Amino acid sequence: MQHLGRRPGANPSPMEETLRHYIATELAPGHGVATLDRRDPLFESALDSTNVLSLVAHLEREFGIEIPDQEVVPSNFGTLELLALYVERKRCSRLSAGGEH
């Protein structure tokens, strides 16, 4: 897996903090997500089948990316760390394809 220049165990990235804030305030308030470690399983602590759909819609809108259903899998959405890496990869792909206006 590509880590976009980040070393394992490093402090949370700005993207991870942005995602943590959204999940904690909009999707799972009161579930202790604000203290969620970047490698804690999201589906065991914050996400369920309903709010993952809201998360996908938010990511598409907020970051201008397209998330196909087949990419909504634990290897992309399993932890804050994996989710942040996934969103960054999608953003880079969009930008390299000339997707930003």
N, C-alpha and C. Protein backbone atom coordinates (compact mmCIF):
# COMPACT_ATOMS: atom_id res chain seq x y z
N MET A 1 0.85 -1.18 0.00
CA MET A 1 0.00 0.00 0.00
C MET A 1 0.89 1.24 0.00
N GLN A 2 0.52 2.21 -0.78
CA GLN A 2 1.26 3.46 -0.85
C GLN A 2 0.86 4.35 0.33
N HIS A 3 1.85 4.91 1.02
CA HIS A 3 1.57 5.73 2.20
C HIS A 3 1.77 7.22 1.96
N LEU A 4 1.90 7.63 0.71
CA LEU A 4 2.01 9.04 0.37
C LEU A 4 3.04 9.77 1.23
N GLY A 5 4.18 9.11 1.44
CA GLY A 5 5.26 9.77 2.16
C GLY A 5 5.12 9.75 3.67
N ARG A 6 4.10 9.09 4.19
CA ARG A 6 3.91 9.06 5.64
C ARG A 6 4.47 7.76 6.18
N ARG A 7 5.12 7.82 7.31
CA ARG A 7 5.69 6.61 7.90
C ARG A 7 4.67 5.99 8.85
N PRO A 8 4.69 4.66 8.98
CA PRO A 8 3.79 4.01 9.93
C PRO A 8 3.97 4.56 11.33
N GLY A 9 2.89 4.76 12.04
CA GLY A 9 2.93 5.26 13.40
C GLY A 9 3.05 6.77 13.51
N ALA A 10 3.10 7.45 12.38
CA ALA A 10 3.22 8.91 12.40
C ALA A 10 1.96 9.53 12.99
N ASN A 11 2.06 10.81 13.36
CA ASN A 11 0.88 11.51 13.86
C ASN A 11 -0.19 11.58 12.79
N PRO A 12 -1.44 11.74 13.19
CA PRO A 12 -2.53 11.83 12.21
C PRO A 12 -2.30 12.98 11.22
N SER A 13 -2.64 12.72 9.99
CA SER A 13 -2.52 13.74 8.95
C SER A 13 -3.67 14.74 9.06
N PRO A 14 -3.53 15.89 8.43
CA PRO A 14 -4.65 16.84 8.40
C PRO A 14 -5.92 16.22 7.83
N MET A 15 -5.78 15.36 6.81
CA MET A 15 -6.96 14.70 6.24
C MET A 15 -7.61 13.79 7.27
N GLU A 16 -6.81 13.06 8.03
CA GLU A 16 -7.38 12.20 9.07
C GLU A 16 -8.14 13.02 10.09
N GLU A 17 -7.60 14.15 10.48
CA GLU A 17 -8.27 15.01 11.46
C GLU A 17 -9.56 15.59 10.88
N THR A 18 -9.55 15.95 9.60
CA THR A 18 -10.76 16.45 8.94
C THR A 18 -11.84 15.37 8.92
N LEU A 19 -11.45 14.16 8.58
CA LEU A 19 -12.41 13.05 8.53
C LEU A 19 -12.91 12.70 9.93
N ARG A 20 -12.01 12.69 10.91
CA ARG A 20 -12.41 12.39 12.29
C ARG A 20 -13.45 13.41 12.77
N HIS A 21 -13.19 14.69 12.49
CA HIS A 21 -14.12 15.74 12.90
C HIS A 21 -15.49 15.55 12.26
N TYR A 22 -15.53 15.26 10.97
CA TYR A 22 -16.82 15.07 10.30
C TYR A 22 -17.56 13.86 10.88
N ILE A 23 -16.87 12.76 11.03
CA ILE A 23 -17.51 11.55 11.56
C ILE A 23 -18.00 11.79 12.98
N ALA A 24 -17.17 12.43 13.80
CA ALA A 24 -17.53 12.67 15.20
C ALA A 24 -18.70 13.62 15.36
N THR A 25 -18.78 14.63 14.51
CA THR A 25 -19.83 15.64 14.69
C THR A 25 -21.09 15.36 13.88
N GLU A 26 -20.95 14.72 12.74
CA GLU A 26 -22.11 14.53 11.86
C GLU A 26 -22.65 13.11 11.84
N LEU A 27 -21.80 12.11 11.96
CA LEU A 27 -22.26 10.73 11.79
C LEU A 27 -22.39 9.96 13.09
N ALA A 28 -21.50 10.20 14.02
CA ALA A 28 -21.51 9.39 15.25
C ALA A 28 -21.26 10.24 16.49
N PRO A 29 -22.04 11.32 16.67
CA PRO A 29 -21.83 12.12 17.88
C PRO A 29 -22.11 11.28 19.13
N GLY A 30 -21.29 11.47 20.14
CA GLY A 30 -21.49 10.74 21.38
C GLY A 30 -20.93 9.33 21.39
N HIS A 31 -20.22 8.94 20.34
CA HIS A 31 -19.65 7.59 20.29
C HIS A 31 -18.15 7.57 20.59
N GLY A 32 -17.61 8.67 21.08
CA GLY A 32 -16.19 8.70 21.42
C GLY A 32 -15.27 8.74 20.22
N VAL A 33 -15.79 9.11 19.06
CA VAL A 33 -14.99 9.12 17.84
C VAL A 33 -13.89 10.17 17.92
N ALA A 34 -14.11 11.24 18.66
CA ALA A 34 -13.11 12.30 18.76
C ALA A 34 -11.79 11.77 19.31
N THR A 35 -11.83 10.68 20.06
CA THR A 35 -10.62 10.08 20.60
C THR A 35 -10.22 8.81 19.86
N LEU A 36 -10.86 8.54 18.76
CA LEU A 36 -10.59 7.36 17.96
C LEU A 36 -9.16 7.39 17.43
N ASP A 37 -8.44 6.30 17.61
CA ASP A 37 -7.09 6.20 17.06
C ASP A 37 -7.18 6.01 15.56
N ARG A 38 -6.17 6.48 14.86
CA ARG A 38 -6.17 6.44 13.40
C ARG A 38 -6.24 5.02 12.84
N ARG A 39 -5.94 4.03 13.65
CA ARG A 39 -5.96 2.64 13.18
C ARG A 39 -7.07 1.80 13.81
N ASP A 40 -7.95 2.44 14.58
CA ASP A 40 -9.10 1.72 15.15
C ASP A 40 -10.10 1.42 14.03
N PRO A 41 -10.74 0.26 14.07
CA PRO A 41 -11.72 -0.09 13.04
C PRO A 41 -12.94 0.83 13.08
N LEU A 42 -13.20 1.51 11.98
CA LEU A 42 -14.33 2.44 11.93
C LEU A 42 -15.67 1.72 12.00
N PHE A 43 -15.77 0.55 11.38
CA PHE A 43 -17.06 -0.15 11.36
C PHE A 43 -17.42 -0.75 12.71
N GLU A 44 -16.47 -0.85 13.61
CA GLU A 44 -16.76 -1.36 14.96
C GLU A 44 -17.02 -0.22 15.94
N SER A 45 -16.68 1.02 15.54
CA SER A 45 -16.79 2.10 16.50
C SER A 45 -17.63 3.28 16.04
N ALA A 46 -17.73 3.52 14.73
CA ALA A 46 -18.38 4.76 14.31
C ALA A 46 -19.31 4.60 13.12
N LEU A 47 -19.01 3.71 12.21
CA LEU A 47 -19.80 3.61 10.98
C LEU A 47 -20.71 2.40 10.98
N ASP A 48 -21.87 2.59 10.38
CA ASP A 48 -22.77 1.48 10.10
C ASP A 48 -23.23 1.62 8.65
N SER A 49 -24.06 0.72 8.20
CA SER A 49 -24.44 0.72 6.78
C SER A 49 -25.19 1.98 6.36
N THR A 50 -25.87 2.61 7.29
CA THR A 50 -26.61 3.83 6.96
C THR A 50 -25.68 5.04 6.87
N ASN A 51 -24.87 5.25 7.91
CA ASN A 51 -24.05 6.46 7.87
C ASN A 51 -22.85 6.35 6.94
N VAL A 52 -22.48 5.16 6.50
CA VAL A 52 -21.40 5.07 5.51
C VAL A 52 -21.88 5.68 4.18
N LEU A 53 -23.16 5.55 3.89
CA LEU A 53 -23.71 6.19 2.68
C LEU A 53 -23.63 7.71 2.78
N SER A 54 -23.93 8.23 3.95
CA SER A 54 -23.80 9.67 4.18
C SER A 54 -22.34 10.11 4.07
N LEU A 55 -21.43 9.30 4.57
CA LEU A 55 -20.01 9.62 4.49
C LEU A 55 -19.55 9.66 3.03
N VAL A 56 -19.96 8.67 2.25
CA VAL A 56 -19.58 8.64 0.83
C VAL A 56 -20.10 9.89 0.11
N ALA A 57 -21.35 10.24 0.34
CA ALA A 57 -21.93 11.43 -0.29
C ALA A 57 -21.16 12.69 0.12
N HIS A 58 -20.80 12.78 1.39
CA HIS A 58 -20.04 13.93 1.88
C HIS A 58 -18.66 14.00 1.21
N LEU A 59 -17.96 12.87 1.15
CA LEU A 59 -16.62 12.85 0.55
C LEU A 59 -16.68 13.25 -0.92
N GLU A 60 -17.66 12.75 -1.63
CA GLU A 60 -17.80 13.10 -3.05
C GLU A 60 -18.04 14.59 -3.23
N ARG A 61 -18.91 15.13 -2.40
CA ARG A 61 -19.25 16.55 -2.47
C ARG A 61 -18.09 17.44 -2.00
N GLU A 62 -17.53 17.11 -0.87
CA GLU A 62 -16.49 17.94 -0.25
C GLU A 62 -15.17 17.94 -1.02
N PHE A 63 -14.80 16.78 -1.56
CA PHE A 63 -13.48 16.65 -2.18
C PHE A 63 -13.55 16.50 -3.70
N GLY A 64 -14.76 16.53 -4.26
CA GLY A 64 -14.90 16.46 -5.71
C GLY A 64 -14.41 15.15 -6.30
N ILE A 65 -14.63 14.07 -5.58
CA ILE A 65 -14.19 12.76 -6.06
C ILE A 65 -15.41 11.88 -6.31
N GLU A 66 -15.21 10.83 -7.07
CA GLU A 66 -16.27 9.86 -7.31
C GLU A 66 -15.86 8.55 -6.64
N ILE A 67 -16.78 8.00 -5.85
CA ILE A 67 -16.50 6.76 -5.12
C ILE A 67 -17.44 5.67 -5.60
N PRO A 68 -16.96 4.77 -6.45
CA PRO A 68 -17.80 3.66 -6.90
C PRO A 68 -18.14 2.73 -5.74
N ASP A 69 -19.32 2.12 -5.82
CA ASP A 69 -19.77 1.22 -4.75
C ASP A 69 -18.73 0.14 -4.44
N GLN A 70 -18.08 -0.40 -5.48
CA GLN A 70 -17.14 -1.50 -5.26
C GLN A 70 -15.88 -1.07 -4.50
N GLU A 71 -15.68 0.24 -4.33
CA GLU A 71 -14.53 0.73 -3.57
C GLU A 71 -14.87 1.03 -2.10
N VAL A 72 -16.13 0.88 -1.73
CA VAL A 72 -16.54 1.08 -0.33
C VAL A 72 -16.34 -0.26 0.40
N VAL A 73 -15.08 -0.51 0.71
CA VAL A 73 -14.65 -1.77 1.32
C VAL A 73 -13.71 -1.47 2.48
N PRO A 74 -13.53 -2.43 3.38
CA PRO A 74 -12.65 -2.20 4.54
C PRO A 74 -11.23 -1.78 4.17
N SER A 75 -10.71 -2.21 3.05
CA SER A 75 -9.34 -1.81 2.70
C SER A 75 -9.25 -0.32 2.37
N ASN A 76 -10.39 0.33 2.10
CA ASN A 76 -10.42 1.78 1.87
C ASN A 76 -11.08 2.54 3.01
N PHE A 77 -12.05 1.94 3.68
CA PHE A 77 -12.85 2.62 4.70
C PHE A 77 -12.69 2.00 6.09
N GLY A 78 -11.73 1.12 6.27
CA GLY A 78 -11.60 0.38 7.53
C GLY A 78 -11.16 1.19 8.73
N THR A 79 -10.28 2.17 8.51
CA THR A 79 -9.76 3.00 9.61
C THR A 79 -9.66 4.44 9.10
N LEU A 80 -9.46 5.37 10.01
CA LEU A 80 -9.22 6.76 9.60
C LEU A 80 -8.00 6.86 8.70
N GLU A 81 -6.96 6.13 9.04
CA GLU A 81 -5.73 6.14 8.25
C GLU A 81 -6.00 5.66 6.82
N LEU A 82 -6.67 4.52 6.67
CA LEU A 82 -6.96 4.00 5.34
C LEU A 82 -7.89 4.91 4.56
N LEU A 83 -8.88 5.46 5.24
CA LEU A 83 -9.82 6.35 4.58
C LEU A 83 -9.13 7.62 4.09
N ALA A 84 -8.27 8.19 4.91
CA ALA A 84 -7.54 9.39 4.51
C ALA A 84 -6.65 9.10 3.31
N LEU A 85 -5.95 7.98 3.32
CA LEU A 85 -5.10 7.61 2.18
C LEU A 85 -5.94 7.42 0.92
N TYR A 86 -7.09 6.78 1.07
CA TYR A 86 -7.98 6.56 -0.07
C TYR A 86 -8.44 7.89 -0.67
N VAL A 87 -8.92 8.80 0.18
CA VAL A 87 -9.40 10.09 -0.30
C VAL A 87 -8.26 10.86 -0.98
N GLU A 88 -7.08 10.83 -0.39
CA GLU A 88 -5.94 11.52 -1.00
C GLU A 88 -5.59 10.92 -2.37
N ARG A 89 -5.62 9.60 -2.47
CA ARG A 89 -5.36 8.96 -3.78
C ARG A 89 -6.39 9.39 -4.81
N LYS A 90 -7.65 9.41 -4.41
CA LYS A 90 -8.72 9.81 -5.33
C LYS A 90 -8.55 11.26 -5.76
N ARG A 91 -8.19 12.12 -4.82
CA ARG A 91 -7.97 13.53 -5.15
C ARG A 91 -6.79 13.69 -6.11
N CYS A 92 -5.72 12.97 -5.85
CA CYS A 92 -4.55 13.04 -6.73
C CYS A 92 -4.90 12.54 -8.13
N SER A 93 -5.66 11.47 -8.22
CA SER A 93 -6.08 10.94 -9.52
C SER A 93 -6.92 11.96 -10.28
N ARG A 94 -7.81 12.61 -9.57
CA ARG A 94 -8.68 13.62 -10.19
C ARG A 94 -7.84 14.79 -10.69
N LEU A 95 -6.91 15.23 -9.86
CA LEU A 95 -6.07 16.37 -10.24
C LEU A 95 -5.14 16.02 -11.41
N SER A 96 -4.58 14.81 -11.40
CA SER A 96 -3.67 14.44 -12.50
C SER A 96 -4.43 14.22 -13.80
N ALA A 97 -5.72 13.94 -13.70
CA ALA A 97 -6.55 13.77 -14.88
C ALA A 97 -7.13 15.09 -15.35
N GLY A 98 -6.77 16.18 -14.66
CA GLY A 98 -7.28 17.49 -15.05
C GLY A 98 -8.68 17.76 -14.56
N GLY A 99 -9.05 17.12 -13.44
CA GLY A 99 -10.42 17.25 -12.93
C GLY A 99 -10.70 18.48 -12.14
N GLU A 100 -9.68 19.29 -11.83
CA GLU A 100 -9.95 20.50 -11.04
C GLU A 100 -10.15 21.67 -12.00
N HIS A 101 -11.12 22.50 -11.68
CA HIS A 101 -11.45 23.64 -12.55
C HIS A 101 -10.72 24.88 -12.11
